[in-house]
Amino acid sequence: MDLSTKTLTVLVLVSLGLSLAVAAFVFMGGVPRKRTPEGPIELDEGLEALLDGHARHIARLENVVRKLAAESKRQGATVKGTVQHVGMVRYDAFEDVGGRLSFSCALLDDFGDGVVITSINGRQDTRVYAKPIRGGRSSHNLSEEEVAAIQQAISRPRVAVSAE
């Protein structure tokens, strides 16, 4: 059975709320109790069965929450290796070409690994270059604009992207 995180959260909260309500009901004296001469309080059999049922239900929910936590941890490790930091610098590569159509764009993961893509726009043609980045550095020579794009990507905080 696959349930969404929101559904499981609601189930856990409802279960905890019911358990707290039953416990409050019991401790506030809402259930007839029998006292034995030795001291401990004996609960009504129906209430005891209800509490046992809640305990089993909570145990199942705890198991599901543990599984969710493990999956969340696994997904968190996967996300660290995805593109999360982007930096882009636009500029005029040549004096006789305006409009800032040339650019360098760095696409990096949480470890500073990724690629920097540069497009040089001229009057007659456009050239595109891609250079690998490891730990925020490249084994290839980088232009000032590529370095600036990498620094911009690294310095920006990660922002969640929504699919609208």
N, C-alpha and C. Protein backbone atom coordinates (compact mmCIF):
# COMPACT_ATOMS: atom_id res chain seq x y z
N MET A 1 0.85 -1.17 0.00
CA MET A 1 0.00 0.00 0.00
C MET A 1 0.89 1.23 0.00
N ASP A 2 0.73 2.07 -1.02
CA ASP A 2 1.51 3.29 -1.12
C ASP A 2 0.63 4.48 -0.78
N LEU A 3 1.01 5.21 0.24
CA LEU A 3 0.28 6.41 0.64
C LEU A 3 1.20 7.61 0.50
N SER A 4 0.61 8.75 0.19
CA SER A 4 1.42 9.96 0.05
C SER A 4 1.92 10.40 1.42
N THR A 5 2.94 11.23 1.40
CA THR A 5 3.51 11.74 2.64
C THR A 5 2.47 12.52 3.44
N LYS A 6 1.66 13.31 2.73
CA LYS A 6 0.62 14.10 3.42
C LYS A 6 -0.40 13.19 4.10
N THR A 7 -0.81 12.12 3.40
CA THR A 7 -1.78 11.19 3.97
C THR A 7 -1.21 10.51 5.21
N LEU A 8 0.04 10.07 5.13
CA LEU A 8 0.66 9.42 6.28
C LEU A 8 0.82 10.38 7.45
N THR A 9 1.17 11.61 7.15
CA THR A 9 1.30 12.61 8.21
C THR A 9 -0.04 12.82 8.91
N VAL A 10 -1.11 12.93 8.13
CA VAL A 10 -2.45 13.10 8.71
C VAL A 10 -2.81 11.89 9.56
N LEU A 11 -2.52 10.68 9.06
CA LEU A 11 -2.82 9.47 9.83
C LEU A 11 -2.07 9.44 11.15
N VAL A 12 -0.80 9.80 11.12
CA VAL A 12 -0.01 9.82 12.35
C VAL A 12 -0.58 10.83 13.34
N LEU A 13 -0.91 12.02 12.84
CA LEU A 13 -1.44 13.07 13.73
C LEU A 13 -2.80 12.67 14.30
N VAL A 14 -3.67 12.08 13.47
CA VAL A 14 -4.98 11.64 13.96
C VAL A 14 -4.81 10.55 15.01
N SER A 15 -3.92 9.60 14.72
CA SER A 15 -3.69 8.51 15.66
C SER A 15 -3.16 9.03 17.00
N LEU A 16 -2.19 9.94 16.93
CA LEU A 16 -1.66 10.51 18.17
C LEU A 16 -2.73 11.30 18.91
N GLY A 17 -3.55 12.04 18.17
CA GLY A 17 -4.62 12.81 18.80
C GLY A 17 -5.62 11.91 19.50
N LEU A 18 -6.01 10.82 18.83
CA LEU A 18 -6.94 9.87 19.46
C LEU A 18 -6.33 9.23 20.69
N SER A 19 -5.07 8.88 20.59
CA SER A 19 -4.40 8.27 21.75
C SER A 19 -4.36 9.23 22.92
N LEU A 20 -4.04 10.48 22.64
CA LEU A 20 -4.01 11.48 23.71
C LEU A 20 -5.41 11.69 24.29
N ALA A 21 -6.43 11.69 23.42
CA ALA A 21 -7.80 11.88 23.91
C ALA A 21 -8.21 10.72 24.81
N VAL A 22 -7.89 9.50 24.40
CA VAL A 22 -8.23 8.33 25.22
C VAL A 22 -7.47 8.38 26.55
N ALA A 23 -6.18 8.72 26.48
CA ALA A 23 -5.40 8.80 27.71
C ALA A 23 -5.96 9.87 28.64
N ALA A 24 -6.32 11.02 28.09
CA ALA A 24 -6.89 12.09 28.93
C ALA A 24 -8.21 11.64 29.53
N PHE A 25 -9.01 10.94 28.73
CA PHE A 25 -10.29 10.45 29.21
C PHE A 25 -10.10 9.50 30.38
N VAL A 26 -9.12 8.61 30.23
CA VAL A 26 -8.85 7.63 31.29
C VAL A 26 -8.35 8.32 32.54
N PHE A 27 -7.40 9.21 32.41
CA PHE A 27 -6.79 9.83 33.58
C PHE A 27 -7.69 10.87 34.24
N MET A 28 -8.66 11.38 33.52
CA MET A 28 -9.59 12.35 34.10
C MET A 28 -10.73 11.65 34.84
N GLY A 29 -10.72 10.33 34.78
CA GLY A 29 -11.72 9.58 35.55
C GLY A 29 -12.97 9.30 34.78
N GLY A 30 -12.96 9.32 33.48
CA GLY A 30 -14.14 9.10 32.67
C GLY A 30 -14.51 7.65 32.51
N VAL A 31 -13.68 6.73 32.95
CA VAL A 31 -13.96 5.31 32.81
C VAL A 31 -14.00 4.68 34.20
N PRO A 32 -15.01 3.85 34.43
CA PRO A 32 -15.03 3.20 35.74
C PRO A 32 -13.80 2.31 35.92
N ARG A 33 -13.18 2.46 37.07
CA ARG A 33 -11.97 1.68 37.35
C ARG A 33 -12.16 0.88 38.63
N LYS A 34 -11.47 -0.19 38.67
CA LYS A 34 -11.52 -1.02 39.87
C LYS A 34 -10.18 -0.90 40.56
N ARG A 35 -10.23 -0.72 41.86
CA ARG A 35 -8.99 -0.70 42.65
C ARG A 35 -8.84 -2.02 43.37
N THR A 36 -7.66 -2.52 43.24
CA THR A 36 -7.38 -3.74 43.98
C THR A 36 -6.74 -3.32 45.29
N PRO A 37 -6.85 -4.14 46.27
CA PRO A 37 -6.27 -3.76 47.57
C PRO A 37 -4.77 -3.54 47.48
N GLU A 38 -4.08 -4.19 46.53
CA GLU A 38 -2.64 -4.04 46.42
C GLU A 38 -2.26 -2.69 45.80
N GLY A 39 -3.14 -2.05 45.04
CA GLY A 39 -2.83 -0.73 44.54
C GLY A 39 -3.05 -0.45 43.07
N PRO A 40 -2.58 -1.26 42.09
CA PRO A 40 -2.69 -0.82 40.70
C PRO A 40 -4.15 -0.75 40.24
N ILE A 41 -4.37 0.15 39.30
CA ILE A 41 -5.72 0.35 38.75
C ILE A 41 -5.92 -0.62 37.60
N GLU A 42 -7.09 -1.28 37.60
CA GLU A 42 -7.43 -2.18 36.51
C GLU A 42 -8.39 -1.45 35.58
N LEU A 43 -8.08 -1.47 34.29
CA LEU A 43 -8.93 -0.80 33.32
C LEU A 43 -10.04 -1.73 32.87
N ASP A 44 -11.13 -1.15 32.44
CA ASP A 44 -12.23 -1.90 31.87
C ASP A 44 -11.71 -2.69 30.67
N GLU A 45 -12.21 -3.90 30.43
CA GLU A 45 -11.71 -4.74 29.34
C GLU A 45 -11.89 -4.08 27.98
N GLY A 46 -12.98 -3.41 27.77
CA GLY A 46 -13.23 -2.73 26.49
C GLY A 46 -12.21 -1.63 26.24
N LEU A 47 -11.93 -0.87 27.30
CA LEU A 47 -10.95 0.22 27.17
C LEU A 47 -9.55 -0.35 26.94
N GLU A 48 -9.26 -1.45 27.63
CA GLU A 48 -7.95 -2.08 27.45
C GLU A 48 -7.78 -2.57 26.02
N ALA A 49 -8.84 -3.16 25.45
CA ALA A 49 -8.79 -3.63 24.06
C ALA A 49 -8.63 -2.44 23.11
N LEU A 50 -9.31 -1.34 23.40
CA LEU A 50 -9.19 -0.14 22.58
C LEU A 50 -7.76 0.41 22.61
N LEU A 51 -7.19 0.47 23.79
CA LEU A 51 -5.81 0.97 23.92
C LEU A 51 -4.82 0.03 23.22
N ASP A 52 -5.04 -1.27 23.32
CA ASP A 52 -4.18 -2.23 22.62
C ASP A 52 -4.28 -2.02 21.11
N GLY A 53 -5.50 -1.82 20.62
CA GLY A 53 -5.69 -1.56 19.20
C GLY A 53 -4.96 -0.31 18.75
N HIS A 54 -5.04 0.75 19.56
CA HIS A 54 -4.32 1.99 19.26
C HIS A 54 -2.81 1.77 19.28
N ALA A 55 -2.34 0.97 20.21
CA ALA A 55 -0.90 0.70 20.30
C ALA A 55 -0.42 -0.02 19.04
N ARG A 56 -1.21 -1.00 18.56
CA ARG A 56 -0.83 -1.70 17.33
C ARG A 56 -0.86 -0.74 16.12
N HIS A 57 -1.87 0.09 16.10
CA HIS A 57 -1.99 1.07 15.00
C HIS A 57 -0.80 2.04 15.01
N ILE A 58 -0.42 2.51 16.17
CA ILE A 58 0.72 3.42 16.29
C ILE A 58 2.01 2.72 15.90
N ALA A 59 2.14 1.45 16.25
CA ALA A 59 3.33 0.70 15.87
C ALA A 59 3.43 0.58 14.35
N ARG A 60 2.29 0.33 13.68
CA ARG A 60 2.30 0.27 12.21
C ARG A 60 2.68 1.63 11.63
N LEU A 61 2.12 2.69 12.18
CA LEU A 61 2.43 4.03 11.69
C LEU A 61 3.90 4.38 11.91
N GLU A 62 4.44 3.98 13.05
CA GLU A 62 5.87 4.23 13.30
C GLU A 62 6.73 3.51 12.27
N ASN A 63 6.34 2.29 11.90
CA ASN A 63 7.06 1.54 10.88
C ASN A 63 7.01 2.27 9.53
N VAL A 64 5.84 2.77 9.17
CA VAL A 64 5.70 3.51 7.91
C VAL A 64 6.52 4.80 7.96
N VAL A 65 6.51 5.49 9.08
CA VAL A 65 7.28 6.73 9.22
C VAL A 65 8.78 6.44 9.09
N ARG A 66 9.25 5.32 9.67
CA ARG A 66 10.66 4.95 9.52
C ARG A 66 11.00 4.71 8.05
N LYS A 67 10.11 4.01 7.33
CA LYS A 67 10.33 3.76 5.91
C LYS A 67 10.36 5.08 5.13
N LEU A 68 9.45 5.98 5.47
CA LEU A 68 9.43 7.30 4.81
C LEU A 68 10.71 8.07 5.08
N ALA A 69 11.20 8.01 6.30
CA ALA A 69 12.43 8.71 6.65
C ALA A 69 13.61 8.15 5.87
N ALA A 70 13.66 6.82 5.72
CA ALA A 70 14.74 6.20 4.96
C ALA A 70 14.66 6.61 3.49
N GLU A 71 13.46 6.62 2.94
CA GLU A 71 13.28 7.03 1.53
C GLU A 71 13.64 8.50 1.34
N SER A 72 13.25 9.32 2.30
CA SER A 72 13.59 10.75 2.23
C SER A 72 15.10 10.95 2.25
N LYS A 73 15.79 10.19 3.07
CA LYS A 73 17.25 10.27 3.14
C LYS A 73 17.88 9.85 1.82
N ARG A 74 17.35 8.76 1.22
CA ARG A 74 17.85 8.28 -0.07
C ARG A 74 17.63 9.32 -1.16
N GLN A 75 16.45 9.91 -1.17
CA GLN A 75 16.15 10.93 -2.18
C GLN A 75 16.99 12.18 -1.96
N GLY A 76 17.24 12.52 -0.72
CA GLY A 76 18.10 13.68 -0.42
C GLY A 76 19.49 13.49 -0.99
N ALA A 77 20.02 12.28 -0.87
CA ALA A 77 21.35 12.00 -1.43
C ALA A 77 21.31 12.09 -2.95
N THR A 78 20.23 11.64 -3.56
CA THR A 78 20.09 11.71 -5.01
C THR A 78 20.00 13.16 -5.47
N VAL A 79 19.26 13.97 -4.74
CA VAL A 79 19.07 15.38 -5.13
C VAL A 79 20.38 16.15 -5.10
N LYS A 80 21.28 15.80 -4.19
CA LYS A 80 22.57 16.50 -4.13
C LYS A 80 23.34 16.41 -5.44
N GLY A 81 23.08 15.37 -6.23
CA GLY A 81 23.78 15.18 -7.49
C GLY A 81 23.06 15.78 -8.69
N THR A 82 21.98 16.52 -8.45
CA THR A 82 21.25 17.16 -9.55
C THR A 82 21.64 18.63 -9.67
N VAL A 83 21.36 19.21 -10.82
CA VAL A 83 21.67 20.63 -11.03
C VAL A 83 20.80 21.46 -10.08
N GLN A 84 21.47 22.22 -9.22
CA GLN A 84 20.76 23.04 -8.25
C GLN A 84 21.25 24.48 -8.24
N HIS A 85 22.41 24.71 -8.81
CA HIS A 85 23.00 26.04 -8.78
C HIS A 85 23.26 26.47 -10.22
N VAL A 86 22.68 27.60 -10.59
CA VAL A 86 22.81 28.11 -11.95
C VAL A 86 23.29 29.55 -11.90
N GLY A 87 24.27 29.84 -12.73
CA GLY A 87 24.76 31.21 -12.85
C GLY A 87 24.92 31.55 -14.33
N MET A 88 24.52 32.76 -14.72
CA MET A 88 24.63 33.14 -16.12
C MET A 88 25.13 34.57 -16.25
N VAL A 89 26.07 34.74 -17.17
CA VAL A 89 26.64 36.06 -17.45
C VAL A 89 26.43 36.32 -18.94
N ARG A 90 25.79 37.45 -19.26
CA ARG A 90 25.60 37.86 -20.67
C ARG A 90 26.57 38.99 -20.96
N TYR A 91 27.07 39.02 -22.19
CA TYR A 91 28.06 40.03 -22.54
C TYR A 91 28.18 40.16 -24.06
N ASP A 92 28.86 41.21 -24.49
CA ASP A 92 29.21 41.40 -25.90
C ASP A 92 30.62 40.85 -26.09
N ALA A 93 30.74 39.78 -26.89
CA ALA A 93 32.04 39.15 -27.10
C ALA A 93 32.94 39.99 -28.02
N PHE A 94 32.34 40.76 -28.92
CA PHE A 94 33.10 41.56 -29.88
C PHE A 94 32.59 43.00 -29.83
N GLU A 95 33.48 43.93 -30.07
CA GLU A 95 33.13 45.35 -30.01
C GLU A 95 32.10 45.73 -31.06
N ASP A 96 32.14 45.08 -32.23
CA ASP A 96 31.24 45.46 -33.32
C ASP A 96 29.89 44.74 -33.27
N VAL A 97 29.66 43.91 -32.24
CA VAL A 97 28.39 43.20 -32.09
C VAL A 97 27.79 43.58 -30.74
N GLY A 98 26.57 44.13 -30.75
CA GLY A 98 25.93 44.57 -29.51
C GLY A 98 24.80 43.63 -29.11
N GLY A 99 24.07 44.01 -28.11
CA GLY A 99 22.89 43.28 -27.66
C GLY A 99 23.15 42.23 -26.60
N ARG A 100 24.40 42.12 -26.19
CA ARG A 100 24.76 41.15 -25.15
C ARG A 100 24.16 39.77 -25.45
N LEU A 101 24.41 39.28 -26.67
CA LEU A 101 23.87 37.99 -27.09
C LEU A 101 24.81 36.82 -26.75
N SER A 102 26.03 37.09 -26.40
CA SER A 102 26.94 36.04 -25.95
C SER A 102 26.67 35.77 -24.47
N PHE A 103 26.91 34.53 -24.04
CA PHE A 103 26.67 34.22 -22.63
C PHE A 103 27.53 33.05 -22.18
N SER A 104 27.71 32.97 -20.87
CA SER A 104 28.31 31.81 -20.21
C SER A 104 27.35 31.40 -19.11
N CYS A 105 27.00 30.12 -19.06
CA CYS A 105 26.02 29.61 -18.10
C CYS A 105 26.62 28.41 -17.37
N ALA A 106 26.69 28.49 -16.06
CA ALA A 106 27.20 27.40 -15.23
C ALA A 106 26.02 26.64 -14.64
N LEU A 107 26.05 25.31 -14.77
CA LEU A 107 25.02 24.42 -14.22
C LEU A 107 25.72 23.44 -13.28
N LEU A 108 25.52 23.64 -11.96
CA LEU A 108 26.29 22.87 -10.97
C LEU A 108 25.38 22.16 -9.97
N ASP A 109 25.89 21.04 -9.42
CA ASP A 109 25.18 20.35 -8.35
C ASP A 109 25.66 20.88 -7.00
N ASP A 110 25.24 20.23 -5.92
CA ASP A 110 25.61 20.69 -4.57
C ASP A 110 27.10 20.54 -4.27
N PHE A 111 27.82 19.74 -5.06
CA PHE A 111 29.24 19.52 -4.85
C PHE A 111 30.10 20.45 -5.71
N GLY A 112 29.45 21.33 -6.51
CA GLY A 112 30.19 22.22 -7.40
C GLY A 112 30.63 21.52 -8.68
N ASP A 113 30.00 20.37 -8.98
CA ASP A 113 30.31 19.63 -10.20
C ASP A 113 29.24 19.94 -11.25
N GLY A 114 29.63 19.96 -12.52
CA GLY A 114 28.67 20.20 -13.58
C GLY A 114 29.35 20.63 -14.86
N VAL A 115 28.80 21.66 -15.47
CA VAL A 115 29.29 22.13 -16.76
C VAL A 115 29.09 23.64 -16.87
N VAL A 116 29.98 24.28 -17.61
CA VAL A 116 29.77 25.67 -17.97
C VAL A 116 29.67 25.70 -19.49
N ILE A 117 28.59 26.29 -19.98
CA ILE A 117 28.33 26.38 -21.42
C ILE A 117 28.49 27.83 -21.83
N THR A 118 29.25 28.05 -22.90
CA THR A 118 29.50 29.40 -23.39
C THR A 118 29.08 29.47 -24.84
N SER A 119 28.34 30.52 -25.17
CA SER A 119 27.93 30.78 -26.54
C SER A 119 28.52 32.14 -26.94
N ILE A 120 29.35 32.13 -27.96
CA ILE A 120 29.97 33.36 -28.47
C ILE A 120 29.24 33.75 -29.75
N ASN A 121 28.56 34.89 -29.70
CA ASN A 121 27.77 35.35 -30.83
C ASN A 121 28.55 36.39 -31.62
N GLY A 122 28.77 36.12 -32.91
CA GLY A 122 29.44 37.07 -33.79
C GLY A 122 28.50 37.50 -34.90
N ARG A 123 29.00 38.33 -35.81
CA ARG A 123 28.17 38.79 -36.92
C ARG A 123 27.83 37.65 -37.88
N GLN A 124 28.76 36.77 -38.14
CA GLN A 124 28.58 35.72 -39.13
C GLN A 124 28.17 34.38 -38.54
N ASP A 125 28.57 34.12 -37.30
CA ASP A 125 28.29 32.80 -36.73
C ASP A 125 28.23 32.86 -35.21
N THR A 126 27.79 31.76 -34.65
CA THR A 126 27.74 31.59 -33.20
C THR A 126 28.45 30.29 -32.87
N ARG A 127 29.33 30.35 -31.89
CA ARG A 127 30.06 29.15 -31.46
C ARG A 127 29.67 28.82 -30.03
N VAL A 128 29.55 27.53 -29.77
CA VAL A 128 29.15 27.07 -28.43
C VAL A 128 30.23 26.14 -27.88
N TYR A 129 30.59 26.37 -26.62
CA TYR A 129 31.61 25.56 -25.95
C TYR A 129 31.04 25.05 -24.64
N ALA A 130 31.42 23.84 -24.28
CA ALA A 130 31.03 23.26 -22.98
C ALA A 130 32.29 22.75 -22.30
N LYS A 131 32.44 23.11 -21.02
CA LYS A 131 33.63 22.68 -20.27
C LYS A 131 33.17 22.03 -18.96
N PRO A 132 33.72 20.87 -18.63
CA PRO A 132 33.34 20.20 -17.38
C PRO A 132 33.88 20.96 -16.17
N ILE A 133 33.10 20.91 -15.09
CA ILE A 133 33.47 21.57 -13.84
C ILE A 133 33.44 20.53 -12.73
N ARG A 134 34.50 20.47 -11.93
CA ARG A 134 34.58 19.57 -10.77
C ARG A 134 35.00 20.41 -9.57
N GLY A 135 34.18 20.43 -8.56
CA GLY A 135 34.50 21.19 -7.35
C GLY A 135 34.67 22.68 -7.61
N GLY A 136 33.92 23.20 -8.58
CA GLY A 136 33.98 24.63 -8.90
C GLY A 136 35.16 25.02 -9.77
N ARG A 137 35.94 24.03 -10.25
CA ARG A 137 37.12 24.31 -11.09
C ARG A 137 37.05 23.45 -12.35
N SER A 138 37.84 23.86 -13.36
CA SER A 138 37.90 23.10 -14.59
C SER A 138 39.35 22.83 -14.98
N SER A 139 39.57 21.73 -15.64
CA SER A 139 40.91 21.42 -16.14
C SER A 139 41.18 22.19 -17.44
N HIS A 140 40.15 22.81 -17.99
CA HIS A 140 40.28 23.62 -19.20
C HIS A 140 40.45 25.09 -18.81
N ASN A 141 41.06 25.86 -19.69
CA ASN A 141 41.17 27.30 -19.44
C ASN A 141 39.78 27.91 -19.47
N LEU A 142 39.51 28.77 -18.49
CA LEU A 142 38.21 29.42 -18.39
C LEU A 142 38.34 30.90 -18.69
N SER A 143 37.35 31.45 -19.38
CA SER A 143 37.31 32.89 -19.62
C SER A 143 36.85 33.60 -18.35
N GLU A 144 37.00 34.92 -18.33
CA GLU A 144 36.54 35.70 -17.17
C GLU A 144 35.04 35.51 -16.96
N GLU A 145 34.30 35.46 -18.07
CA GLU A 145 32.85 35.32 -17.99
C GLU A 145 32.46 33.94 -17.45
N GLU A 146 33.19 32.91 -17.85
CA GLU A 146 32.91 31.56 -17.35
C GLU A 146 33.20 31.48 -15.85
N VAL A 147 34.28 32.07 -15.42
CA VAL A 147 34.61 32.10 -13.99
C VAL A 147 33.53 32.85 -13.23
N ALA A 148 33.06 33.97 -13.79
CA ALA A 148 32.01 34.76 -13.14
C ALA A 148 30.71 33.96 -13.05
N ALA A 149 30.37 33.21 -14.10
CA ALA A 149 29.15 32.40 -14.08
C ALA A 149 29.25 31.31 -13.01
N ILE A 150 30.42 30.68 -12.90
CA ILE A 150 30.62 29.64 -11.88
C ILE A 150 30.52 30.23 -10.48
N GLN A 151 31.16 31.37 -10.26
CA GLN A 151 31.09 32.02 -8.95
C GLN A 151 29.66 32.42 -8.61
N GLN A 152 28.93 32.91 -9.61
CA GLN A 152 27.54 33.30 -9.40
C GLN A 152 26.70 32.07 -9.01
N ALA A 153 26.92 30.96 -9.69
CA ALA A 153 26.17 29.73 -9.38
C ALA A 153 26.48 29.23 -7.98
N ILE A 154 27.75 29.24 -7.62
CA ILE A 154 28.16 28.74 -6.30
C ILE A 154 27.64 29.63 -5.18
N SER A 155 27.63 30.94 -5.40
CA SER A 155 27.26 31.87 -4.33
C SER A 155 25.76 31.99 -4.14
N ARG A 156 24.99 31.60 -5.13
CA ARG A 156 23.53 31.71 -5.00
C ARG A 156 22.98 30.57 -4.17
N PRO A 157 22.03 30.90 -3.29
CA PRO A 157 21.40 29.82 -2.52
C PRO A 157 20.51 28.98 -3.44
N ARG A 158 20.34 27.73 -3.07
CA ARG A 158 19.50 26.81 -3.84
C ARG A 158 18.07 27.28 -3.74
N VAL A 159 17.38 27.31 -4.86
CA VAL A 159 15.97 27.73 -4.90
C VAL A 159 15.15 26.61 -5.50
N ALA A 160 14.03 26.30 -4.87
CA ALA A 160 13.16 25.27 -5.40
C ALA A 160 12.50 25.77 -6.68
N VAL A 161 12.40 24.90 -7.66
CA VAL A 161 11.79 25.25 -8.94
C VAL A 161 10.42 24.60 -8.98
N SER A 162 9.41 25.40 -9.32
CA SER A 162 8.06 24.84 -9.41
C SER A 162 7.68 24.67 -10.87
N ALA A 163 6.93 23.64 -11.16
CA ALA A 163 6.49 23.38 -12.53
C ALA A 163 5.13 24.03 -12.73
N GLU A 164 5.14 25.23 -13.26
CA GLU A 164 3.88 25.96 -13.50
C GLU A 164 3.62 26.05 -14.96
